[in-house]
């Protein structure tokens, strides 16, 4: 029997893809296991490092060489994004004039898996000479770095995910995870609020999620509001004109009594020609107050399987001042 070359190639491709999937899963399992080990072994040095960061009156300088340097960049960015001023200093550049970027009152976070990175020596000794605390992150407890560091965070000595156990993979993942742990713990201890994070993240999806609904809602003439005694034939015209699939039913004071949705119209179609708005409405609808952030509004819509929420006046909570539709949130990338 002759083999079909096309079928043979497809079989070989499927075998290769299965091997790729297995390799990828193996890397993730190795690194996840290492993070779990780091979590288990984390000790009293961690809260000591957090206390140092909380007490600093200056900036946090993060430094490392090679792949550790790339992780140091990310840790510095994470610190800054959570309200702790930080920046990266290249240790080799520091030895050629950039040591002047470090001042009294700063904190140095130094990263080296081996703990023996020669380029870090100058910046660490300079920081200590200025009286700046040094937080060392390494896998070698008995190393030159640990002789200088004020406090050391020791990573477990684990195998790199690289098949040759050479390329920094697992070790840099541990550094990154530990940096996140420091930043988030500092943020939680300081009580950083969502409002403060919004100031630090005005752009992108993060900024969008933290926007107050006041900036997104439809207000004034766009609001689909109808009187309680309005005939349904007139309500239908307003709902069609506003195109939100919902109308708010209000009393003579402007207080929200209930809502009429497209779903209500279908369920009570036999009453359309004879009923008023109050007879068709669903009472006590879900609403949100002014100032609610977009993320929370989206969560309420999702939990209650609704597509719109009336936004209520902060000073007169019974009166609607805006309408937020789920499409407004989709446009922000919240779906």
C-alpha atoms as a PDB file:
ATOM      1  CA  UNK A   1       0.000   0.000   0.000  1.00  0.00           C
ATOM      2  CA  UNK A   2       1.339   3.427  -0.980  1.00  0.00           C
ATOM      3  CA  UNK A   3       1.358   6.225   1.603  1.00  0.00           C
ATOM      4  CA  UNK A   4      -0.429   9.445   0.822  1.00  0.00           C
ATOM      5  CA  UNK A   5       2.261  12.196   1.087  1.00  0.00           C
ATOM      6  CA  UNK A   6      -0.306  14.824   2.046  1.00  0.00           C
ATOM      7  CA  UNK A   7      -1.697  12.676   4.861  1.00  0.00           C
ATOM      8  CA  UNK A   8       1.833  11.881   6.047  1.00  0.00           C
ATOM      9  CA  UNK A   9       2.746  15.582   6.216  1.00  0.00           C
ATOM     10  CA  UNK A  10      -0.455  16.367   8.106  1.00  0.00           C
ATOM     11  CA  UNK A  11       0.245  13.579  10.602  1.00  0.00           C
ATOM     12  CA  UNK A  12       3.788  14.858  11.133  1.00  0.00           C
ATOM     13  CA  UNK A  13       2.437  18.386  11.634  1.00  0.00           C
ATOM     14  CA  UNK A  14      -0.065  17.184  14.238  1.00  0.00           C
ATOM     15  CA  UNK A  15       2.672  15.285  16.097  1.00  0.00           C
ATOM     16  CA  UNK A  16       4.910  18.381  16.056  1.00  0.00           C
ATOM     17  CA  UNK A  17       2.081  20.608  17.308  1.00  0.00           C
ATOM     18  CA  UNK A  18       1.303  18.176  20.134  1.00  0.00           C
ATOM     19  CA  UNK A  19       4.971  18.283  21.164  1.00  0.00           C
ATOM     20  CA  UNK A  20       4.936  22.100  21.093  1.00  0.00           C
ATOM     21  CA  UNK A  21       1.869  22.173  23.316  1.00  0.00           C
ATOM     22  CA  UNK A  22       3.498  19.775  25.760  1.00  0.00           C
ATOM     23  CA  UNK A  23       6.702  21.869  25.865  1.00  0.00           C
ATOM     24  CA  UNK A  24       4.704  25.040  26.538  1.00  0.00           C
ATOM     25  CA  UNK A  25       2.698  23.437  29.323  1.00  0.00           C
ATOM     26  CA  UNK A  26       5.863  22.031  30.864  1.00  0.00           C
ATOM     27  CA  UNK A  27       7.458  25.498  31.038  1.00  0.00           C
ATOM     28  CA  UNK A  28       4.363  26.954  32.697  1.00  0.00           C
ATOM     29  CA  UNK A  29       4.208  24.086  35.182  1.00  0.00           C
ATOM     30  CA  UNK A  30       7.891  24.505  36.078  1.00  0.00           C
ATOM     31  CA  UNK A  31       7.505  28.239  36.654  1.00  0.00           C
ATOM     32  CA  UNK A  32       4.176  27.920  38.493  1.00  0.00           C
ATOM     33  CA  UNK A  33       5.731  25.331  40.794  1.00  0.00           C
ATOM     34  CA  UNK A  34       8.664  27.661  41.461  1.00  0.00           C
ATOM     35  CA  UNK A  35       6.337  30.549  42.374  1.00  0.00           C
ATOM     36  CA  UNK A  36       4.435  28.250  44.738  1.00  0.00           C
ATOM     37  CA  UNK A  37       7.742  27.295  46.369  1.00  0.00           C
ATOM     38  CA  UNK A  38       8.713  30.975  46.691  1.00  0.00           C
ATOM     39  CA  UNK A  39       5.372  31.724  48.347  1.00  0.00           C
ATOM     40  CA  UNK A  40       5.873  28.870  50.811  1.00  0.00           C
ATOM     41  CA  UNK A  41       9.440  29.919  51.679  1.00  0.00           C
ATOM     42  CA  UNK A  42       8.737  33.664  51.995  1.00  0.00           C
ATOM     43  CA  UNK A  43       9.720  34.719  55.509  1.00  0.00           C
ATOM     44  CA  UNK A  44      10.174  37.660  57.849  1.00  0.00           C
ATOM     45  CA  UNK A  45      12.594  39.385  55.471  1.00  0.00           C
ATOM     46  CA  UNK A  46       9.619  40.210  53.229  1.00  0.00           C
ATOM     47  CA  UNK A  47       7.704  42.418  55.713  1.00  0.00           C
ATOM     48  CA  UNK A  48      11.034  44.019  56.645  1.00  0.00           C
ATOM     49  CA  UNK A  49      11.551  44.964  52.992  1.00  0.00           C
ATOM     50  CA  UNK A  50       7.979  46.287  52.800  1.00  0.00           C
ATOM     51  CA  UNK A  51       8.564  48.433  55.901  1.00  0.00           C
ATOM     52  CA  UNK A  52      11.688  49.900  54.292  1.00  0.00           C
ATOM     53  CA  UNK A  53       9.707  50.820  51.169  1.00  0.00           C
ATOM     54  CA  UNK A  54       6.890  52.314  53.236  1.00  0.00           C
ATOM     55  CA  UNK A  55       9.320  54.439  55.247  1.00  0.00           C
ATOM     56  CA  UNK A  56      11.249  55.895  52.321  1.00  0.00           C
ATOM     57  CA  UNK A  57      10.992  59.651  51.845  1.00  0.00           C
ATOM     58  CA  UNK A  58      12.761  59.519  48.509  1.00  0.00           C
ATOM     59  CA  UNK A  59      12.523  57.354  45.412  1.00  0.00           C
ATOM     60  CA  UNK A  60      13.002  53.659  44.842  1.00  0.00           C
ATOM     61  CA  UNK A  61      15.909  52.855  42.538  1.00  0.00           C
ATOM     62  CA  UNK A  62      15.791  49.400  40.954  1.00  0.00           C
ATOM     63  CA  UNK A  63      18.908  47.962  39.325  1.00  0.00           C
ATOM     64  CA  UNK A  64      20.057  44.769  37.656  1.00  0.00           C
ATOM     65  CA  UNK A  65      22.152  43.502  34.732  1.00  0.00           C
ATOM     66  CA  UNK A  66      21.089  41.487  31.708  1.00  0.00           C
ATOM     67  CA  UNK A  67      17.746  39.719  32.038  1.00  0.00           C
ATOM     68  CA  UNK A  68      17.586  40.833  35.677  1.00  0.00           C
ATOM     69  CA  UNK A  69      17.855  44.381  34.361  1.00  0.00           C
ATOM     70  CA  UNK A  70      14.782  43.892  32.180  1.00  0.00           C
ATOM     71  CA  UNK A  71      12.889  42.630  35.228  1.00  0.00           C
ATOM     72  CA  UNK A  72      14.179  45.611  37.222  1.00  0.00           C
ATOM     73  CA  UNK A  73      12.687  47.945  34.593  1.00  0.00           C
ATOM     74  CA  UNK A  74       9.295  46.275  35.041  1.00  0.00           C
ATOM     75  CA  UNK A  75       9.452  46.338  38.849  1.00  0.00           C
ATOM     76  CA  UNK A  76      10.293  50.057  38.805  1.00  0.00           C
ATOM     77  CA  UNK A  77       7.366  50.696  36.462  1.00  0.00           C
ATOM     78  CA  UNK A  78       5.022  48.713  38.715  1.00  0.00           C
ATOM     79  CA  UNK A  79       6.137  50.633  41.804  1.00  0.00           C
ATOM     80  CA  UNK A  80       5.524  53.940  40.017  1.00  0.00           C
ATOM     81  CA  UNK A  81       2.131  52.860  38.702  1.00  0.00           C
ATOM     82  CA  UNK A  82       0.966  52.058  42.234  1.00  0.00           C
ATOM     83  CA  UNK A  83       2.018  55.389  43.714  1.00  0.00           C
ATOM     84  CA  UNK A  84       5.601  54.696  44.828  1.00  0.00           C
ATOM     85  CA  UNK A  85       8.015  56.867  42.773  1.00  0.00           C
ATOM     86  CA  UNK A  86      10.648  54.587  41.244  1.00  0.00           C
ATOM     87  CA  UNK A  87      13.011  54.368  38.300  1.00  0.00           C
ATOM     88  CA  UNK A  88      15.618  52.036  36.827  1.00  0.00           C
ATOM     89  CA  UNK A  89      19.345  52.738  36.958  1.00  0.00           C
ATOM     90  CA  UNK A  90      21.693  50.635  34.839  1.00  0.00           C
ATOM     91  CA  UNK A  91      24.482  49.418  37.148  1.00  0.00           C
ATOM     92  CA  UNK A  92      27.203  49.756  34.503  1.00  0.00           C
ATOM     93  CA  UNK A  93      26.116  53.316  33.665  1.00  0.00           C
ATOM     94  CA  UNK A  94      25.987  54.079  37.385  1.00  0.00           C
ATOM     95  CA  UNK A  95      29.689  53.309  37.645  1.00  0.00           C
ATOM     96  CA  UNK A  96      30.333  55.875  34.905  1.00  0.00           C
ATOM     97  CA  UNK A  97      28.551  58.885  36.360  1.00  0.00           C
ATOM     98  CA  UNK A  98      24.943  57.878  37.010  1.00  0.00           C
ATOM     99  CA  UNK A  99      25.572  57.298  40.714  1.00  0.00           C
ATOM    100  CA  UNK A 100      24.527  60.931  41.065  1.00  0.00           C
ATOM    101  CA  UNK A 101      20.945  59.808  40.408  1.00  0.00           C
ATOM    102  CA  UNK A 102      20.851  58.270  43.892  1.00  0.00           C
ATOM    103  CA  UNK A 103      20.288  60.612  46.825  1.00  0.00           C
ATOM    104  CA  UNK A 104      19.913  60.357  50.582  1.00  0.00           C
ATOM    105  CA  UNK A 105      16.470  59.099  51.502  1.00  0.00           C
ATOM    106  CA  UNK A 106      16.228  56.768  48.506  1.00  0.00           C
ATOM    107  CA  UNK A 107      15.975  52.973  48.604  1.00  0.00           C
ATOM    108  CA  UNK A 108      17.903  50.661  46.281  1.00  0.00           C
ATOM    109  CA  UNK A 109      16.416  47.358  45.128  1.00  0.00           C
ATOM    110  CA  UNK A 110      19.167  45.254  43.517  1.00  0.00           C
ATOM    111  CA  UNK A 111      18.485  42.101  41.479  1.00  0.00           C
ATOM    112  CA  UNK A 112      21.016  39.341  40.804  1.00  0.00           C
ATOM    113  CA  UNK A 113      20.210  35.644  40.710  1.00  0.00           C
ATOM    114  CA  UNK A 114      23.828  34.750  41.477  1.00  0.00           C
ATOM    115  CA  UNK A 115      24.308  37.568  43.974  1.00  0.00           C
ATOM    116  CA  UNK A 116      27.733  38.118  42.465  1.00  0.00           C
ATOM    117  CA  UNK A 117      27.060  40.500  39.559  1.00  0.00           C
ATOM    118  CA  UNK A 118      30.197  42.646  39.525  1.00  0.00           C
ATOM    119  CA  UNK A 119      28.489  45.672  37.966  1.00  0.00           C
ATOM    120  CA  UNK A 120      26.135  45.979  40.955  1.00  0.00           C
ATOM    121  CA  UNK A 121      28.962  46.432  43.446  1.00  0.00           C
ATOM    122  CA  UNK A 122      29.511  50.168  42.861  1.00  0.00           C
ATOM    123  CA  UNK A 123      25.852  51.173  43.048  1.00  0.00           C
ATOM    124  CA  UNK A 124      25.215  49.062  46.154  1.00  0.00           C
ATOM    125  CA  UNK A 125      28.232  50.403  48.046  1.00  0.00           C
ATOM    126  CA  UNK A 126      27.395  53.970  46.999  1.00  0.00           C
ATOM    127  CA  UNK A 127      23.830  53.579  48.276  1.00  0.00           C
ATOM    128  CA  UNK A 128      25.032  52.266  51.615  1.00  0.00           C
ATOM    129  CA  UNK A 129      27.565  55.107  51.885  1.00  0.00           C
ATOM    130  CA  UNK A 130      24.663  57.563  51.516  1.00  0.00           C
ATOM    131  CA  UNK A 131      22.735  55.752  54.233  1.00  0.00           C
ATOM    132  CA  UNK A 132      20.206  54.351  51.751  1.00  0.00           C
ATOM    133  CA  UNK A 133      18.739  50.929  52.584  1.00  0.00           C
ATOM    134  CA  UNK A 134      19.479  48.204  50.043  1.00  0.00           C
ATOM    135  CA  UNK A 135      17.013  45.398  49.340  1.00  0.00           C
ATOM    136  CA  UNK A 136      18.793  42.515  47.636  1.00  0.00           C
ATOM    137  CA  UNK A 137      16.925  39.905  45.585  1.00  0.00           C
ATOM    138  CA  UNK A 138      19.007  36.799  44.883  1.00  0.00           C
ATOM    139  CA  UNK A 139      18.997  33.023  45.114  1.00  0.00           C
ATOM    140  CA  UNK A 140      22.347  32.926  46.926  1.00  0.00           C
ATOM    141  CA  UNK A 141      22.117  33.679  50.633  1.00  0.00           C
ATOM    142  CA  UNK A 142      25.906  33.618  51.070  1.00  0.00           C
ATOM    143  CA  UNK A 143      26.933  35.963  48.271  1.00  0.00           C
ATOM    144  CA  UNK A 144      28.694  39.327  47.850  1.00  0.00           C
ATOM    145  CA  UNK A 145      25.301  41.002  47.408  1.00  0.00           C
ATOM    146  CA  UNK A 146      24.057  39.744  50.749  1.00  0.00           C
ATOM    147  CA  UNK A 147      27.145  41.103  52.497  1.00  0.00           C
ATOM    148  CA  UNK A 148      26.104  44.624  51.468  1.00  0.00           C
ATOM    149  CA  UNK A 149      22.291  44.405  51.485  1.00  0.00           C
ATOM    150  CA  UNK A 150      20.263  45.766  54.386  1.00  0.00           C
ATOM    151  CA  UNK A 151      17.753  42.980  53.875  1.00  0.00           C
ATOM    152  CA  UNK A 152      17.774  40.080  51.456  1.00  0.00           C
ATOM    153  CA  UNK A 153      14.865  38.350  49.751  1.00  0.00           C
ATOM    154  CA  UNK A 154      16.077  34.877  48.884  1.00  0.00           C
ATOM    155  CA  UNK A 155      14.680  33.114  45.846  1.00  0.00           C
ATOM    156  CA  UNK A 156      14.487  29.314  45.864  1.00  0.00           C
ATOM    157  CA  UNK A 157      17.256  27.671  43.861  1.00  0.00           C
ATOM    158  CA  UNK A 158      15.245  26.077  41.093  1.00  0.00           C
ATOM    159  CA  UNK A 159      15.928  24.693  37.653  1.00  0.00           C
ATOM    160  CA  UNK A 160      15.517  27.093  34.756  1.00  0.00           C
ATOM    161  CA  UNK A 161      12.741  26.182  32.322  1.00  0.00           C
ATOM    162  CA  UNK A 162      15.365  26.309  29.568  1.00  0.00           C
ATOM    163  CA  UNK A 163      16.222  22.699  28.522  1.00  0.00           C
ATOM    164  CA  UNK A 164      19.917  23.416  29.067  1.00  0.00           C
ATOM    165  CA  UNK A 165      19.218  25.015  32.467  1.00  0.00           C
ATOM    166  CA  UNK A 166      21.102  28.102  31.265  1.00  0.00           C
ATOM    167  CA  UNK A 167      18.821  30.862  29.937  1.00  0.00           C
ATOM    168  CA  UNK A 168      17.225  32.907  32.747  1.00  0.00           C
ATOM    169  CA  UNK A 169      13.582  31.848  32.684  1.00  0.00           C
ATOM    170  CA  UNK A 170      12.298  30.480  35.971  1.00  0.00           C
ATOM    171  CA  UNK A 171      14.639  32.720  37.970  1.00  0.00           C
ATOM    172  CA  UNK A 172      13.498  35.913  36.237  1.00  0.00           C
ATOM    173  CA  UNK A 173       9.853  34.880  36.625  1.00  0.00           C
ATOM    174  CA  UNK A 174      10.469  34.565  40.373  1.00  0.00           C
ATOM    175  CA  UNK A 175      12.048  38.036  40.473  1.00  0.00           C
ATOM    176  CA  UNK A 176       9.106  39.520  38.609  1.00  0.00           C
ATOM    177  CA  UNK A 177       6.561  37.820  40.868  1.00  0.00           C
ATOM    178  CA  UNK A 178       8.412  38.952  43.988  1.00  0.00           C
ATOM    179  CA  UNK A 179       8.527  42.519  42.660  1.00  0.00           C
ATOM    180  CA  UNK A 180       4.769  42.418  42.132  1.00  0.00           C
ATOM    181  CA  UNK A 181       4.323  41.043  45.654  1.00  0.00           C
ATOM    182  CA  UNK A 182       6.316  43.954  47.091  1.00  0.00           C
ATOM    183  CA  UNK A 183       4.489  46.598  45.053  1.00  0.00           C
ATOM    184  CA  UNK A 184       0.989  45.298  45.763  1.00  0.00           C
ATOM    185  CA  UNK A 185       1.703  44.772  49.464  1.00  0.00           C
ATOM    186  CA  UNK A 186       2.979  48.347  49.758  1.00  0.00           C
ATOM    187  CA  UNK A 187      -0.088  49.576  47.874  1.00  0.00           C
ATOM    188  CA  UNK A 188      -2.500  47.660  50.118  1.00  0.00           C
ATOM    189  CA  UNK A 189      -0.717  48.723  53.304  1.00  0.00           C
ATOM    190  CA  UNK A 190      -0.818  52.370  52.252  1.00  0.00           C
ATOM    191  CA  UNK A 191      -4.502  52.063  51.406  1.00  0.00           C
ATOM    192  CA  UNK A 192      -4.148  53.235  47.812  1.00  0.00           C
ATOM    193  CA  UNK A 193      -7.643  53.803  46.431  1.00  0.00           C
ATOM    194  CA  UNK A 194      -9.131  53.280  43.000  1.00  0.00           C
ATOM    195  CA  UNK A 195      -9.430  57.042  42.638  1.00  0.00           C
ATOM    196  CA  UNK A 196      -5.687  57.397  43.195  1.00  0.00           C
ATOM    197  CA  UNK A 197      -4.981  54.660  40.660  1.00  0.00           C
ATOM    198  CA  UNK A 198      -7.183  56.456  38.137  1.00  0.00           C
ATOM    199  CA  UNK A 199      -4.936  59.517  38.406  1.00  0.00           C
ATOM    200  CA  UNK A 200      -1.912  57.308  37.694  1.00  0.00           C
ATOM    201  CA  UNK A 201      -3.591  55.395  34.822  1.00  0.00           C
ATOM    202  CA  UNK A 202      -5.541  57.967  32.779  1.00  0.00           C
ATOM    203  CA  UNK A 203      -5.016  56.088  29.519  1.00  0.00           C
ATOM    204  CA  UNK A 204      -5.663  52.608  28.209  1.00  0.00           C
ATOM    205  CA  UNK A 205      -8.094  50.013  29.464  1.00  0.00           C
ATOM    206  CA  UNK A 206      -7.123  50.524  33.110  1.00  0.00           C
ATOM    207  CA  UNK A 207      -8.008  54.199  32.947  1.00  0.00           C
ATOM    208  CA  UNK A 208     -11.233  53.388  31.126  1.00  0.00           C
ATOM    209  CA  UNK A 209     -12.313  50.857  33.745  1.00  0.00           C
ATOM    210  CA  UNK A 210     -11.792  53.405  36.506  1.00  0.00           C
ATOM    211  CA  UNK A 211     -13.639  56.281  34.850  1.00  0.00           C
ATOM    212  CA  UNK A 212     -16.688  57.575  36.715  1.00  0.00           C
ATOM    213  CA  UNK A 213     -19.938  56.921  34.873  1.00  0.00           C
ATOM    214  CA  UNK A 214     -20.598  60.680  34.838  1.00  0.00           C
ATOM    215  CA  UNK A 215     -18.077  60.925  32.002  1.00  0.00           C
ATOM    216  CA  UNK A 216     -19.836  58.219  29.987  1.00  0.00           C
ATOM    217  CA  UNK A 217     -23.551  58.575  30.679  1.00  0.00           C
ATOM    218  CA  UNK A 218     -26.221  60.101  28.454  1.00  0.00           C
ATOM    219  CA  UNK A 219     -27.816  63.111  30.150  1.00  0.00           C
ATOM    220  CA  UNK A 220     -30.242  66.009  29.754  1.00  0.00           C
ATOM    221  CA  UNK A 221     -32.096  65.838  26.427  1.00  0.00           C
ATOM    222  CA  UNK A 222     -30.830  62.343  25.711  1.00  0.00           C
ATOM    223  CA  UNK A 223     -32.570  60.857  28.743  1.00  0.00           C
ATOM    224  CA  UNK A 224     -35.558  58.631  27.851  1.00  0.00           C
ATOM    225  CA  UNK A 225     -37.917  59.763  30.623  1.00  0.00           C
ATOM    226  CA  UNK A 226     -41.714  59.552  30.505  1.00  0.00           C
ATOM    227  CA  UNK A 227     -44.518  60.582  32.857  1.00  0.00           C
ATOM    228  CA  UNK A 228     -46.343  57.890  34.802  1.00  0.00           C
ATOM    229  CA  UNK A 229     -49.683  58.712  33.141  1.00  0.00           C
ATOM    230  CA  UNK A 230     -48.336  58.919  29.587  1.00  0.00           C
ATOM    231  CA  UNK A 231     -50.209  56.652  27.134  1.00  0.00           C
ATOM    232  CA  UNK A 232     -48.086  53.774  25.868  1.00  0.00           C
ATOM    233  CA  UNK A 233     -48.417  54.865  22.229  1.00  0.00           C
ATOM    234  CA  UNK A 234     -46.510  58.033  23.174  1.00  0.00           C
ATOM    235  CA  UNK A 235     -44.008  56.073  25.274  1.00  0.00           C
ATOM    236  CA  UNK A 236     -43.254  53.912  22.230  1.00  0.00           C
ATOM    237  CA  UNK A 237     -42.458  56.991  20.170  1.00  0.00           C
ATOM    238  CA  UNK A 238     -40.009  58.270  22.804  1.00  0.00           C
ATOM    239  CA  UNK A 239     -38.340  54.869  23.199  1.00  0.00           C
ATOM    240  CA  UNK A 240     -37.952  54.644  19.422  1.00  0.00           C
ATOM    241  CA  UNK A 241     -36.519  58.163  19.223  1.00  0.00           C
ATOM    242  CA  UNK A 242     -33.990  57.691  22.054  1.00  0.00           C
ATOM    243  CA  UNK A 243     -32.962  54.177  20.875  1.00  0.00           C
ATOM    244  CA  UNK A 244     -31.762  52.828  24.237  1.00  0.00           C
ATOM    245  CA  UNK A 245     -34.336  50.056  24.530  1.00  0.00           C
ATOM    246  CA  UNK A 246     -35.496  51.495  27.852  1.00  0.00           C
ATOM    247  CA  UNK A 247     -37.538  54.352  29.292  1.00  0.00           C
ATOM    248  CA  UNK A 248     -37.583  55.670  32.829  1.00  0.00           C
ATOM    249  CA  UNK A 249     -40.984  56.362  34.364  1.00  0.00           C
ATOM    250  CA  UNK A 250     -40.975  59.403  36.662  1.00  0.00           C
ATOM    251  CA  UNK A 251     -43.543  61.140  38.864  1.00  0.00           C
ATOM    252  CA  UNK A 252     -44.367  64.854  38.881  1.00  0.00           C
ATOM    253  CA  UNK A 253     -41.284  65.522  41.069  1.00  0.00           C
ATOM    254  CA  UNK A 254     -38.956  63.754  38.656  1.00  0.00           C
ATOM    255  CA  UNK A 255     -38.418  60.761  40.943  1.00  0.00           C
ATOM    256  CA  UNK A 256     -37.845  57.433  39.204  1.00  0.00           C
ATOM    257  CA  UNK A 257     -40.749  55.042  39.753  1.00  0.00           C
ATOM    258  CA  UNK A 258     -39.747  52.263  37.390  1.00  0.00           C
ATOM    259  CA  UNK A 259     -38.554  51.373  33.905  1.00  0.00           C
ATOM    260  CA  UNK A 260     -40.042  50.044  30.703  1.00  0.00           C
ATOM    261  CA  UNK A 261     -37.751  47.904  28.546  1.00  0.00           C
ATOM    262  CA  UNK A 262     -38.104  46.243  25.164  1.00  0.00           C
ATOM    263  CA  UNK A 263     -38.613  43.022  27.103  1.00  0.00           C
ATOM    264  CA  UNK A 264     -41.564  44.526  28.981  1.00  0.00           C
ATOM    265  CA  UNK A 265     -43.143  45.528  25.672  1.00  0.00           C
ATOM    266  CA  UNK A 266     -42.918  41.975  24.347  1.00  0.00           C
ATOM    267  CA  UNK A 267     -44.245  40.434  27.551  1.00  0.00           C
ATOM    268  CA  UNK A 268     -47.221  42.812  27.755  1.00  0.00           C
ATOM    269  CA  UNK A 269     -47.894  43.372  24.068  1.00  0.00           C
ATOM    270  CA  UNK A 270     -51.642  42.980  24.577  1.00  0.00           C
ATOM    271  CA  UNK A 271     -51.642  46.090  26.831  1.00  0.00           C
ATOM    272  CA  UNK A 272     -49.805  48.434  24.475  1.00  0.00           C
ATOM    273  CA  UNK A 273     -52.861  50.221  23.150  1.00  0.00           C
ATOM    274  CA  UNK A 274     -54.719  50.563  26.437  1.00  0.00           C
ATOM    275  CA  UNK A 275     -52.121  51.007  29.173  1.00  0.00           C
ATOM    276  CA  UNK A 276     -50.186  53.961  30.533  1.00  0.00           C
ATOM    277  CA  UNK A 277     -46.503  53.989  31.427  1.00  0.00           C
ATOM    278  CA  UNK A 278     -47.147  53.157  35.076  1.00  0.00           C
ATOM    279  CA  UNK A 279     -49.157  50.095  34.069  1.00  0.00           C
ATOM    280  CA  UNK A 280     -46.354  48.709  31.916  1.00  0.00           C
ATOM    281  CA  UNK A 281     -43.339  49.551  34.053  1.00  0.00           C
ATOM    282  CA  UNK A 282     -41.225  47.350  36.298  1.00  0.00           C
ATOM    283  CA  UNK A 283     -40.957  49.031  39.700  1.00  0.00           C
ATOM    284  CA  UNK A 284     -37.779  49.430  41.781  1.00  0.00           C
ATOM    285  CA  UNK A 285     -35.274  49.079  38.929  1.00  0.00           C
ATOM    286  CA  UNK A 286     -31.544  48.628  39.417  1.00  0.00           C
ATOM    287  CA  UNK A 287     -29.751  51.988  39.486  1.00  0.00           C
ATOM    288  CA  UNK A 288     -26.302  53.375  40.274  1.00  0.00           C
ATOM    289  CA  UNK A 289     -25.292  56.625  41.988  1.00  0.00           C
ATOM    290  CA  UNK A 290     -23.234  59.345  40.378  1.00  0.00           C
ATOM    291  CA  UNK A 291     -19.508  58.687  40.729  1.00  0.00           C
ATOM    292  CA  UNK A 292     -19.769  54.914  40.300  1.00  0.00           C
ATOM    293  CA  UNK A 293     -16.774  53.680  38.308  1.00  0.00           C
ATOM    294  CA  UNK A 294     -17.341  52.042  34.930  1.00  0.00           C
ATOM    295  CA  UNK A 295     -15.980  48.688  36.094  1.00  0.00           C
ATOM    296  CA  UNK A 296     -18.554  48.451  38.904  1.00  0.00           C
ATOM    297  CA  UNK A 297     -21.392  49.500  36.607  1.00  0.00           C
ATOM    298  CA  UNK A 298     -20.420  46.779  34.141  1.00  0.00           C
ATOM    299  CA  UNK A 299     -20.298  44.220  36.951  1.00  0.00           C
ATOM    300  CA  UNK A 300     -23.838  45.178  38.038  1.00  0.00           C
ATOM    301  CA  UNK A 301     -25.162  44.895  34.490  1.00  0.00           C
ATOM    302  CA  UNK A 302     -23.526  41.510  34.040  1.00  0.00           C
ATOM    303  CA  UNK A 303     -24.727  40.141  37.376  1.00  0.00           C
ATOM    304  CA  UNK A 304     -28.322  41.253  36.764  1.00  0.00           C
ATOM    305  CA  UNK A 305     -28.356  40.481  33.017  1.00  0.00           C
ATOM    306  CA  UNK A 306     -29.463  43.996  32.085  1.00  0.00           C
ATOM    307  CA  UNK A 307     -28.206  46.356  29.402  1.00  0.00           C
ATOM    308  CA  UNK A 308     -28.836  49.803  30.899  1.00  0.00           C
ATOM    309  CA  UNK A 309     -28.727  51.585  34.250  1.00  0.00           C
ATOM    310  CA  UNK A 310     -30.122  54.936  35.270  1.00  0.00           C
ATOM    311  CA  UNK A 311     -27.572  57.094  37.104  1.00  0.00           C
ATOM    312  CA  UNK A 312     -29.059  58.810  40.146  1.00  0.00           C
ATOM    313  CA  UNK A 313     -28.417  62.319  41.452  1.00  0.00           C
ATOM    314  CA  UNK A 314     -25.952  62.377  44.356  1.00  0.00           C
ATOM    315  CA  UNK A 315     -27.970  65.038  46.217  1.00  0.00           C
ATOM    316  CA  UNK A 316     -31.431  63.712  45.293  1.00  0.00           C
ATOM    317  CA  UNK A 317     -30.917  59.950  44.951  1.00  0.00           C
ATOM    318  CA  UNK A 318     -34.480  59.345  43.772  1.00  0.00           C
ATOM    319  CA  UNK A 319     -33.947  61.447  40.620  1.00  0.00           C
ATOM    320  CA  UNK A 320     -32.187  60.138  37.487  1.00  0.00           C
ATOM    321  CA  UNK A 321     -29.565  62.426  35.948  1.00  0.00           C
ATOM    322  CA  UNK A 322     -28.139  60.053  33.371  1.00  0.00           C
ATOM    323  CA  UNK A 323     -28.378  56.723  31.598  1.00  0.00           C
ATOM    324  CA  UNK A 324     -25.512  54.301  31.030  1.00  0.00           C
ATOM    325  CA  UNK A 325     -25.916  51.676  28.302  1.00  0.00           C
ATOM    326  CA  UNK A 326     -23.804  48.543  28.074  1.00  0.00           C
ATOM    327  CA  UNK A 327     -22.659  49.601  24.595  1.00  0.00           C
ATOM    328  CA  UNK A 328     -20.991  52.624  26.213  1.00  0.00           C
ATOM    329  CA  UNK A 329     -18.909  50.165  28.249  1.00  0.00           C
ATOM    330  CA  UNK A 330     -18.210  47.879  25.303  1.00  0.00           C
ATOM    331  CA  UNK A 331     -16.620  50.837  23.533  1.00  0.00           C
ATOM    332  CA  UNK A 332     -14.178  51.104  26.441  1.00  0.00           C
ATOM    333  CA  UNK A 333     -13.139  47.483  26.014  1.00  0.00           C
ATOM    334  CA  UNK A 334     -14.818  46.292  29.213  1.00  0.00           C
ATOM    335  CA  UNK A 335     -16.522  43.304  27.640  1.00  0.00           C
END
